[in-house]
């Protein structure tokens, strides 16, 4: 029997919920915080149900029932890992990038990324103006809140990703400037709705940040100028939030993870991190476990934190990736502990925490070829998360 078939139907360990909308969840005192990025592999049963719904073999009600089952199982299993904050693992989403346009008037747009194994993903393209969110991340928060008393986090799309859904020349009489104003307004509301629905923290998926530094054909829209524009858009969104809201908003960077393959792992972090830390977020989630030299990532982050402090700016908290979702090999709690203890030589411990390198499955239909199946990948993901949680506790004891 699959582990997902067992559960109480109500996850959680009795801890309080998220509290006042937008107030965030206080960072723990005297221990390193830890949280997941966002997505988790969808069960094979759910993936089949989605395909069946697309051809009319099952009803929308039957699909919703399968989604709810996957969400409840996800929350139960995250609670079992000891995770202090949980999410629904994006079980209801087709992808991290498409939910705002779900049900809207869209077409397939240009290639977003070509992954190392040769497969590619495309950007949804807005077919008619103006741009408006057709659905909100807050819907996932509301539905998840019914099944857990643990604090919730919610991953949301970045305005930079949405900026790729309309051509540079605009759409008819709908100018690029008007489009970006609507994107920023929509992203601000997406975040605020998530807080109002009960999210304690929100993280902005910014996988296109590292990808933007590619200068080759696989990412034809990319380049250093694109990265600067992306960062400006994210800061425009953050600038519309209150201080308490902004402190509870993180930005996540990674080289992608789809079908156990990455799209920009060959782009040097030394190029990205100085730009990344110009984003005025409350915290960052930074991929590191899959890097050839984990300590170099921590050293680069420490250098940026020192530069911010020297300039009189507030230094953000950084959750360092300590598990690699593209690799089925399990990290041990001791390996996680050791990586964090080494990182604390460069990143002040009071600003350090842990996360997973990337979402475990940002796209719903994901065969997880290195894992053998989506169901096995799902079991591996929860095992990795348990090791992250325990290893972070061990590191906290060492660094106390």
Foldseek 3Di string as FASTA:
>chain_A
DFLLVDDDQAAEDPDAFQPAFLQFDDADPLFFAEDAQAAAAADPVLLVVVVCVVVPVDDPVVSVVSLLSQQLSQRNLLVVLVHQEGFSRCSVDQFQQCQQCVVHQWDWAAWAFQWPVGDTGTQIAHDDDDDGRPDAQLVRLLSSVVRYRHAYETEHEALLSVLVRADCCGHVPGGSVNNLVNSLVRVLVRLSSNSNSGHNAYEYEPQVLLVLCDPDDRHVVHHPVSNVVRLVSLQSNLVVDDPSNQLRYEYEYAQDAFLLTGGRLVRDVLVRPLSVQVRSGQEYEAEQQPHPDSLVVLQSLLVNQVVCVVVVHDRHAYAYANAELSALDADALQSLLVSQLSSCVRPPSVRYHHYHRHSNHRGRDGQNVNQRGSSSSNVSVSRNSSSRVSSSRVNSVVVD
